[in-house]
C-alpha atoms as a PDB file:
ATOM      1  CA  MET A   1     113.664 110.720  97.391  1.00  0.00           C
ATOM      2  CA  ARG A   2     110.688 111.410  99.409  1.00  0.00           C
ATOM      3  CA  GLN A   3     112.440 115.007  99.908  1.00  0.00           C
ATOM      4  CA  ARG A   4     112.302 115.144  96.665  1.00  0.00           C
ATOM      5  CA  LEU A   5     108.548 114.107  95.906  1.00  0.00           C
ATOM      6  CA  PRO A   6     107.090 118.335  96.799  1.00  0.00           C
ATOM      7  CA  LEU A   7     108.739 119.605  93.896  1.00  0.00           C
ATOM      8  CA  ILE A   8     106.058 117.512  92.403  1.00  0.00           C
ATOM      9  CA  LYS A   9     103.055 119.623  90.732  1.00  0.00           C
ATOM     10  CA  GLN A  10     102.606 117.767  88.152  1.00  0.00           C
ATOM     11  CA  PRO A  11      99.500 115.841  87.593  1.00  0.00           C
ATOM     12  CA  VAL A  12      99.507 112.307  89.099  1.00  0.00           C
ATOM     13  CA  ILE A  13      98.396 108.880  88.810  1.00  0.00           C
ATOM     14  CA  VAL A  14      99.457 105.984  90.373  1.00  0.00           C
ATOM     15  CA  PHE A  15      98.868 102.339  89.530  1.00  0.00           C
ATOM     16  CA  GLN A  16     100.154  99.838  92.191  1.00  0.00           C
ATOM     17  CA  GLY A  17      99.747  95.621  90.877  1.00  0.00           C
ATOM     18  CA  ARG A  18      97.659  93.728  94.387  1.00  0.00           C
ATOM     19  CA  LYS A  19     100.184  90.266  93.475  1.00  0.00           C
ATOM     20  CA  ASP A  20     103.408  92.930  93.039  1.00  0.00           C
ATOM     21  CA  THR A  21     106.092  91.342  94.805  1.00  0.00           C
ATOM     22  CA  THR A  22     108.684  93.410  94.094  1.00  0.00           C
ATOM     23  CA  VAL A  23     107.629  96.798  94.929  1.00  0.00           C
ATOM     24  CA  ASP A  24     105.890  97.146  99.148  1.00  0.00           C
ATOM     25  CA  ALA A  25     102.470  97.927  99.244  1.00  0.00           C
ATOM     26  CA  THR A  26     101.961 101.540 101.533  1.00  0.00           C
ATOM     27  CA  ALA A  27     104.536 102.890  98.308  1.00  0.00           C
ATOM     28  CA  GLY A  28     101.751 104.323  96.603  1.00  0.00           C
ATOM     29  CA  ASN A  29     100.274 106.678  99.303  1.00  0.00           C
ATOM     30  CA  ILE A  30     104.053 107.553 100.105  1.00  0.00           C
ATOM     31  CA  ILE A  31     104.001 109.395  96.702  1.00  0.00           C
ATOM     32  CA  LEU A  32     100.480 110.754  96.513  1.00  0.00           C
ATOM     33  CA  GLN A  33     100.557 111.566 100.306  1.00  0.00           C
ATOM     34  CA  GLY A  34     104.618 113.616  99.264  1.00  0.00           C
ATOM     35  CA  VAL A  35     104.043 115.727  96.043  1.00  0.00           C
ATOM     36  CA  ASN A  36     102.169 118.714  95.508  1.00  0.00           C
ATOM     37  CA  SER A  37      99.739 117.653  92.735  1.00  0.00           C
ATOM     38  CA  THR A  38      96.095 119.422  92.160  1.00  0.00           C
ATOM     39  CA  TYR A  39      95.621 116.265  90.904  1.00  0.00           C
ATOM     40  CA  THR A  40      95.857 112.663  92.095  1.00  0.00           C
ATOM     41  CA  GLU A  41      94.721 109.275  91.570  1.00  0.00           C
ATOM     42  CA  HIS A  42      95.006 105.879  92.788  1.00  0.00           C
ATOM     43  CA  HIS A  43      93.879 102.667  91.117  1.00  0.00           C
ATOM     44  CA  TRP A  44      95.131  98.866  92.598  1.00  0.00           C
ATOM     45  CA  MET A  45      95.050  96.725  89.161  1.00  0.00           C
ATOM     46  CA  GLU A  46      94.091  93.274  91.388  1.00  0.00           C
ATOM     47  CA  ARG A  47      95.015  91.376  88.666  1.00  0.00           C
ATOM     48  CA  SER A  48      98.453  92.001  87.889  1.00  0.00           C
ATOM     49  CA  SER A  49     101.827  92.218  88.955  1.00  0.00           C
ATOM     50  CA  HIS A  50     104.948  94.067  89.468  1.00  0.00           C
ATOM     51  CA  ALA A  51     104.628  94.526  85.382  1.00  0.00           C
ATOM     52  CA  ILE A  52     100.796  96.619  84.434  1.00  0.00           C
ATOM     53  CA  THR A  53     101.828  97.693  81.372  1.00  0.00           C
ATOM     54  CA  ILE A  54     102.415  93.772  80.012  1.00  0.00           C
ATOM     55  CA  ASP A  55     100.052  92.400  81.954  1.00  0.00           C
ATOM     56  CA  CYS A  56      96.461  91.072  81.985  1.00  0.00           C
ATOM     57  CA  GLU A  57      94.875  95.007  82.548  1.00  0.00           C
ATOM     58  CA  LEU A  58      96.762  96.583  80.008  1.00  0.00           C
ATOM     59  CA  ASP A  59      93.315  97.622  78.593  1.00  0.00           C
ATOM     60  CA  THR A  60      91.994  99.190  82.497  1.00  0.00           C
ATOM     61  CA  VAL A  61      94.776 101.263  82.985  1.00  0.00           C
ATOM     62  CA  ALA A  62      94.593 102.596  79.338  1.00  0.00           C
ATOM     63  CA  ASP A  63      91.796 103.471  79.684  1.00  0.00           C
ATOM     64  CA  LEU A  64      91.979 105.098  83.679  1.00  0.00           C
ATOM     65  CA  THR A  65      94.595 106.871  82.502  1.00  0.00           C
ATOM     66  CA  VAL A  66      93.170 108.092  79.608  1.00  0.00           C
ATOM     67  CA  ARG A  67      90.004 109.276  81.829  1.00  0.00           C
ATOM     68  CA  PHE A  68      92.698 110.523  84.022  1.00  0.00           C
ATOM     69  CA  MET A  69      94.136 113.115  81.195  1.00  0.00           C
ATOM     70  CA  GLU A  70      91.021 113.888  80.492  1.00  0.00           C
ATOM     71  CA  LYS A  71      89.740 115.368  83.642  1.00  0.00           C
ATOM     72  CA  VAL A  72      93.141 117.220  84.339  1.00  0.00           C
ATOM     73  CA  LEU A  73      93.247 118.054  80.662  1.00  0.00           C
ATOM     74  CA  GLN A  74      89.134 120.238  80.945  1.00  0.00           C
ATOM     75  CA  SER A  75      89.537 121.351  84.318  1.00  0.00           C
ATOM     76  CA  GLN A  76      92.166 123.994  82.375  1.00  0.00           C
END
């Protein structure tokens, strides 16, 4: 799949749980270094595991996502 990452030109936001034992910690950087997106962000959720959207930092994830979307939309 890495060879297909350069095809991605849409804005990309990556969230990773610091306590995630499912996905390797380097995955977020691999994704962001591989895409051709103008807008990218990478956020570590220090108290979350793999299922971030149902973990204890959901409100933070939602807030960061809204801010990212607003930033991208304001730039257009």
